[in-house]
Amino acid sequence: MTKSIHQDICDKIRFSKLYEKYAQSLSNILYYKYGELLNPSDKVQEAFIKLWENCAKIKPEAAKTYLFTTANNMMLNAVKHQKVVLKYQKVKPKDYTNESPEFILRKKEFLERFQNVLSKLKDEERTAFLLNKVDGKTHKEVAEILGITKKVAEHRIYAAFNKLKSELEELNRK
């Protein structure tokens, strides 16, 4: 029987010889099998790191098999990950709209005017109005949140809405 060059894998010199013996061929195999895109050299390095971390657990006779299996599994995981990335890239968010440029511009201008009018409202009116219209709270819930009666909440909401209607002609159209 021939004596294995790596009788104790945890020995730095023997590990270095093991690296010299298998690193290039393992890298070549991964390159031929999977191509350059998934960095086969990196997977070889990672496989040797795992071998070093587990050197006490691995028998010297199993070192080559361990390295090749570990590196191959890393490449397979990278391929799976790449497939997920590609699948995600296929699902593109909608980057177009059926709205005309004129409509988009008018919408933007309206929102600016709306924000301007909203900022001019009294704080208590704006708060009650936004709780009701944006957060969808009922008049009773608005009253409870603000610590006021239901009638006062209704008054603030309607007062804010009336001021918005008087300032923004779009809200008056039916």
C-alpha atoms as a PDB file:
ATOM      1  CA  MET A   1       0.000   0.000   0.000  1.00  0.00           C
ATOM      2  CA  THR A   2       1.179   3.488  -0.733  1.00  0.00           C
ATOM      3  CA  LYS A   3       1.385   5.896   2.101  1.00  0.00           C
ATOM      4  CA  SER A   4      -1.018   8.790   1.915  1.00  0.00           C
ATOM      5  CA  ILE A   5       0.560  12.255   1.858  1.00  0.00           C
ATOM      6  CA  HIS A   6      -2.057  13.470   4.305  1.00  0.00           C
ATOM      7  CA  GLN A   7      -1.967  11.144   7.275  1.00  0.00           C
ATOM      8  CA  ASP A   8      -2.971  13.947   9.608  1.00  0.00           C
ATOM      9  CA  ILE A   9      -4.945  16.602   7.758  1.00  0.00           C
ATOM     10  CA  CYS A  10      -4.676  19.074  10.629  1.00  0.00           C
ATOM     11  CA  ASP A  11      -0.915  19.340  10.140  1.00  0.00           C
ATOM     12  CA  LYS A  12      -0.215  22.595   8.273  1.00  0.00           C
ATOM     13  CA  ILE A  13       2.470  21.137   6.020  1.00  0.00           C
ATOM     14  CA  ARG A  14       0.365  18.143   5.047  1.00  0.00           C
ATOM     15  CA  PHE A  15      -2.685  20.344   4.529  1.00  0.00           C
ATOM     16  CA  SER A  16      -0.587  22.582   2.279  1.00  0.00           C
ATOM     17  CA  LYS A  17       0.505  19.542   0.242  1.00  0.00           C
ATOM     18  CA  LEU A  18      -3.100  18.437   0.029  1.00  0.00           C
ATOM     19  CA  TYR A  19      -3.995  21.869  -1.290  1.00  0.00           C
ATOM     20  CA  GLU A  20      -1.224  21.772  -3.883  1.00  0.00           C
ATOM     21  CA  LYS A  21      -2.305  18.325  -5.020  1.00  0.00           C
ATOM     22  CA  TYR A  22      -6.064  18.910  -5.420  1.00  0.00           C
ATOM     23  CA  ALA A  23      -6.835  22.655  -5.676  1.00  0.00           C
ATOM     24  CA  GLN A  24      -6.095  23.150  -9.360  1.00  0.00           C
ATOM     25  CA  SER A  25      -7.806  19.973 -10.553  1.00  0.00           C
ATOM     26  CA  LEU A  26     -10.870  20.698  -8.399  1.00  0.00           C
ATOM     27  CA  SER A  27     -11.037  24.238  -9.742  1.00  0.00           C
ATOM     28  CA  ASN A  28     -10.773  22.936 -13.309  1.00  0.00           C
ATOM     29  CA  ILE A  29     -13.522  20.374 -12.789  1.00  0.00           C
ATOM     30  CA  LEU A  30     -15.858  22.993 -11.367  1.00  0.00           C
ATOM     31  CA  TYR A  31     -14.999  25.375 -14.177  1.00  0.00           C
ATOM     32  CA  TYR A  32     -15.688  22.742 -16.850  1.00  0.00           C
ATOM     33  CA  LYS A  33     -18.898  21.647 -15.197  1.00  0.00           C
ATOM     34  CA  TYR A  34     -20.418  25.025 -14.215  1.00  0.00           C
ATOM     35  CA  GLY A  35     -18.499  27.720 -16.050  1.00  0.00           C
ATOM     36  CA  GLU A  36     -16.750  30.817 -14.826  1.00  0.00           C
ATOM     37  CA  LEU A  37     -19.833  32.810 -13.815  1.00  0.00           C
ATOM     38  CA  LEU A  38     -20.224  31.195 -10.382  1.00  0.00           C
ATOM     39  CA  ASN A  39     -16.560  31.621  -9.366  1.00  0.00           C
ATOM     40  CA  PRO A  40     -15.306  28.036  -9.128  1.00  0.00           C
ATOM     41  CA  SER A  41     -12.009  29.191  -7.586  1.00  0.00           C
ATOM     42  CA  ASP A  42     -13.910  30.743  -4.690  1.00  0.00           C
ATOM     43  CA  LYS A  43     -15.804  27.503  -4.112  1.00  0.00           C
ATOM     44  CA  VAL A  44     -12.500  25.593  -4.048  1.00  0.00           C
ATOM     45  CA  GLN A  45     -11.154  27.996  -1.419  1.00  0.00           C
ATOM     46  CA  GLU A  46     -14.337  27.645   0.630  1.00  0.00           C
ATOM     47  CA  ALA A  47     -14.144  23.843   0.384  1.00  0.00           C
ATOM     48  CA  PHE A  48     -10.582  23.890   1.702  1.00  0.00           C
ATOM     49  CA  ILE A  49     -11.643  26.209   4.525  1.00  0.00           C
ATOM     50  CA  LYS A  50     -14.404  23.758   5.475  1.00  0.00           C
ATOM     51  CA  LEU A  51     -11.877  20.920   5.312  1.00  0.00           C
ATOM     52  CA  TRP A  52      -9.546  22.819   7.630  1.00  0.00           C
ATOM     53  CA  GLU A  53     -12.383  23.599  10.048  1.00  0.00           C
ATOM     54  CA  ASN A  54     -13.353  19.908  10.142  1.00  0.00           C
ATOM     55  CA  CYS A  55      -9.880  18.379   9.772  1.00  0.00           C
ATOM     56  CA  ALA A  56     -10.125  16.448  13.029  1.00  0.00           C
ATOM     57  CA  LYS A  57     -13.388  14.789  11.965  1.00  0.00           C
ATOM     58  CA  ILE A  58     -12.315  13.731   8.476  1.00  0.00           C
ATOM     59  CA  LYS A  59     -10.240  10.665   7.821  1.00  0.00           C
ATOM     60  CA  PRO A  60      -7.243  11.258   5.553  1.00  0.00           C
ATOM     61  CA  GLU A  61      -8.575   8.760   3.006  1.00  0.00           C
ATOM     62  CA  ALA A  62     -11.823  10.723   2.743  1.00  0.00           C
ATOM     63  CA  ALA A  63     -10.254  14.166   2.292  1.00  0.00           C
ATOM     64  CA  LYS A  64     -10.378  14.169  -1.512  1.00  0.00           C
ATOM     65  CA  THR A  65     -13.992  12.987  -1.574  1.00  0.00           C
ATOM     66  CA  TYR A  66     -14.907  15.543   1.081  1.00  0.00           C
ATOM     67  CA  LEU A  67     -13.316  18.387  -0.900  1.00  0.00           C
ATOM     68  CA  PHE A  68     -14.897  17.452  -4.218  1.00  0.00           C
ATOM     69  CA  THR A  69     -18.327  16.829  -2.700  1.00  0.00           C
ATOM     70  CA  THR A  70     -18.265  20.042  -0.665  1.00  0.00           C
ATOM     71  CA  ALA A  71     -17.149  22.185  -3.611  1.00  0.00           C
ATOM     72  CA  ASN A  72     -19.719  20.575  -5.912  1.00  0.00           C
ATOM     73  CA  ASN A  73     -22.510  21.165  -3.372  1.00  0.00           C
ATOM     74  CA  MET A  74     -21.461  24.811  -3.054  1.00  0.00           C
ATOM     75  CA  MET A  75     -21.678  25.195  -6.816  1.00  0.00           C
ATOM     76  CA  LEU A  76     -25.105  23.529  -6.865  1.00  0.00           C
ATOM     77  CA  ASN A  77     -26.285  25.940  -4.182  1.00  0.00           C
ATOM     78  CA  ALA A  78     -24.943  28.840  -6.225  1.00  0.00           C
ATOM     79  CA  VAL A  79     -26.805  27.536  -9.282  1.00  0.00           C
ATOM     80  CA  LYS A  80     -30.033  27.284  -7.284  1.00  0.00           C
ATOM     81  CA  HIS A  81     -29.524  30.802  -5.987  1.00  0.00           C
ATOM     82  CA  GLN A  82     -28.859  32.049  -9.511  1.00  0.00           C
ATOM     83  CA  LYS A  83     -32.114  30.460 -10.684  1.00  0.00           C
ATOM     84  CA  VAL A  84     -34.027  32.281  -7.946  1.00  0.00           C
ATOM     85  CA  VAL A  85     -32.355  35.561  -8.903  1.00  0.00           C
ATOM     86  CA  LEU A  86     -33.212  35.053 -12.572  1.00  0.00           C
ATOM     87  CA  LYS A  87     -36.786  34.117 -11.750  1.00  0.00           C
ATOM     88  CA  TYR A  88     -37.131  37.252  -9.643  1.00  0.00           C
ATOM     89  CA  GLN A  89     -35.694  39.373 -12.453  1.00  0.00           C
ATOM     90  CA  LYS A  90     -38.320  38.030 -14.847  1.00  0.00           C
ATOM     91  CA  VAL A  91     -41.094  39.395 -12.645  1.00  0.00           C
ATOM     92  CA  LYS A  92     -40.648  43.052 -13.369  1.00  0.00           C
ATOM     93  CA  PRO A  93     -42.732  45.628 -11.600  1.00  0.00           C
ATOM     94  CA  LYS A  94     -45.065  47.580 -13.817  1.00  0.00           C
ATOM     95  CA  ASP A  95     -42.994  50.479 -15.080  1.00  0.00           C
ATOM     96  CA  TYR A  96     -45.580  51.889 -17.407  1.00  0.00           C
ATOM     97  CA  THR A  97     -49.011  53.389 -17.051  1.00  0.00           C
ATOM     98  CA  ASN A  98     -52.040  53.848 -19.237  1.00  0.00           C
ATOM     99  CA  GLU A  99     -52.333  57.385 -17.954  1.00  0.00           C
ATOM    100  CA  SER A 100     -51.478  60.186 -20.346  1.00  0.00           C
ATOM    101  CA  PRO A 101     -48.619  62.553 -19.532  1.00  0.00           C
ATOM    102  CA  GLU A 102     -51.182  65.337 -19.218  1.00  0.00           C
ATOM    103  CA  PHE A 103     -53.148  63.346 -16.626  1.00  0.00           C
ATOM    104  CA  ILE A 104     -49.982  62.560 -14.659  1.00  0.00           C
ATOM    105  CA  LEU A 105     -49.019  66.239 -14.644  1.00  0.00           C
ATOM    106  CA  ARG A 106     -52.498  67.337 -13.568  1.00  0.00           C
ATOM    107  CA  LYS A 107     -52.506  64.694 -10.832  1.00  0.00           C
ATOM    108  CA  LYS A 108     -49.142  65.908  -9.552  1.00  0.00           C
ATOM    109  CA  GLU A 109     -50.313  69.532  -9.560  1.00  0.00           C
ATOM    110  CA  PHE A 110     -53.521  68.589  -7.752  1.00  0.00           C
ATOM    111  CA  LEU A 111     -51.601  66.707  -5.062  1.00  0.00           C
ATOM    112  CA  GLU A 112     -49.367  69.721  -4.518  1.00  0.00           C
ATOM    113  CA  ARG A 113     -52.376  72.018  -4.175  1.00  0.00           C
ATOM    114  CA  PHE A 114     -54.106  69.489  -1.917  1.00  0.00           C
ATOM    115  CA  GLN A 115     -51.038  69.312   0.353  1.00  0.00           C
ATOM    116  CA  ASN A 116     -50.899  73.116   0.418  1.00  0.00           C
ATOM    117  CA  VAL A 117     -54.564  73.453   1.423  1.00  0.00           C
ATOM    118  CA  LEU A 118     -54.186  70.633   3.941  1.00  0.00           C
ATOM    119  CA  SER A 119     -51.259  72.430   5.562  1.00  0.00           C
ATOM    120  CA  LYS A 120     -53.402  75.584   5.966  1.00  0.00           C
ATOM    121  CA  LEU A 121     -56.052  73.757   8.008  1.00  0.00           C
ATOM    122  CA  LYS A 122     -56.113  74.065  11.778  1.00  0.00           C
ATOM    123  CA  ASP A 123     -54.168  71.236  13.427  1.00  0.00           C
ATOM    124  CA  GLU A 124     -57.226  69.742  15.100  1.00  0.00           C
ATOM    125  CA  GLU A 125     -59.225  69.801  11.842  1.00  0.00           C
ATOM    126  CA  ARG A 126     -56.377  68.287   9.822  1.00  0.00           C
ATOM    127  CA  THR A 127     -55.799  65.562  12.412  1.00  0.00           C
ATOM    128  CA  ALA A 128     -59.479  64.606  12.607  1.00  0.00           C
ATOM    129  CA  PHE A 129     -59.847  64.701   8.821  1.00  0.00           C
ATOM    130  CA  LEU A 130     -56.777  62.528   8.153  1.00  0.00           C
ATOM    131  CA  LEU A 131     -57.729  60.023  10.841  1.00  0.00           C
ATOM    132  CA  ASN A 132     -61.140  59.679   9.209  1.00  0.00           C
ATOM    133  CA  LYS A 133     -60.295  59.794   5.491  1.00  0.00           C
ATOM    134  CA  VAL A 134     -56.770  58.322   5.374  1.00  0.00           C
ATOM    135  CA  ASP A 135     -56.753  55.916   8.311  1.00  0.00           C
ATOM    136  CA  GLY A 136     -60.418  54.998   7.828  1.00  0.00           C
ATOM    137  CA  LYS A 137     -61.421  55.664  11.434  1.00  0.00           C
ATOM    138  CA  THR A 138     -65.065  56.214  12.240  1.00  0.00           C
ATOM    139  CA  HIS A 139     -66.239  59.448  13.810  1.00  0.00           C
ATOM    140  CA  LYS A 140     -66.538  57.659  17.133  1.00  0.00           C
ATOM    141  CA  GLU A 141     -62.991  56.249  16.865  1.00  0.00           C
ATOM    142  CA  VAL A 142     -61.607  59.688  15.938  1.00  0.00           C
ATOM    143  CA  ALA A 143     -63.348  61.150  18.979  1.00  0.00           C
ATOM    144  CA  GLU A 144     -61.868  58.473  21.263  1.00  0.00           C
ATOM    145  CA  ILE A 145     -58.359  58.932  19.858  1.00  0.00           C
ATOM    146  CA  LEU A 146     -58.454  62.708  20.202  1.00  0.00           C
ATOM    147  CA  GLY A 147     -60.281  62.686  23.528  1.00  0.00           C
ATOM    148  CA  ILE A 148     -63.236  64.726  22.249  1.00  0.00           C
ATOM    149  CA  THR A 149     -66.942  64.096  21.758  1.00  0.00           C
ATOM    150  CA  LYS A 150     -68.296  62.490  18.592  1.00  0.00           C
ATOM    151  CA  LYS A 151     -70.070  65.746  17.631  1.00  0.00           C
ATOM    152  CA  VAL A 152     -66.831  67.744  17.901  1.00  0.00           C
ATOM    153  CA  ALA A 153     -65.021  65.139  15.776  1.00  0.00           C
ATOM    154  CA  GLU A 154     -67.763  65.316  13.139  1.00  0.00           C
ATOM    155  CA  HIS A 155     -67.612  69.110  13.142  1.00  0.00           C
ATOM    156  CA  ARG A 156     -63.821  69.136  12.649  1.00  0.00           C
ATOM    157  CA  ILE A 157     -63.973  66.562   9.844  1.00  0.00           C
ATOM    158  CA  TYR A 158     -66.743  68.417   8.001  1.00  0.00           C
ATOM    159  CA  ALA A 159     -65.084  71.797   8.538  1.00  0.00           C
ATOM    160  CA  ALA A 160     -61.843  70.478   7.043  1.00  0.00           C
ATOM    161  CA  PHE A 161     -63.702  68.892   4.126  1.00  0.00           C
ATOM    162  CA  ASN A 162     -65.608  72.119   3.403  1.00  0.00           C
ATOM    163  CA  LYS A 163     -62.383  74.156   3.394  1.00  0.00           C
ATOM    164  CA  LEU A 164     -60.803  71.635   1.014  1.00  0.00           C
ATOM    165  CA  LYS A 165     -63.856  71.794  -1.268  1.00  0.00           C
ATOM    166  CA  SER A 166     -63.807  75.587  -1.345  1.00  0.00           C
ATOM    167  CA  GLU A 167     -60.097  75.698  -2.256  1.00  0.00           C
ATOM    168  CA  LEU A 168     -60.030  72.771  -4.720  1.00  0.00           C
ATOM    169  CA  GLU A 169     -62.551  72.963  -7.538  1.00  0.00           C
ATOM    170  CA  GLU A 170     -61.955  69.280  -8.467  1.00  0.00           C
ATOM    171  CA  LEU A 171     -63.705  68.224  -5.265  1.00  0.00           C
ATOM    172  CA  ASN A 172     -66.859  70.122  -6.270  1.00  0.00           C
ATOM    173  CA  ARG A 173     -67.357  68.150  -9.506  1.00  0.00           C
ATOM    174  CA  LYS A 174     -69.699  65.229  -9.523  1.00  0.00           C
END
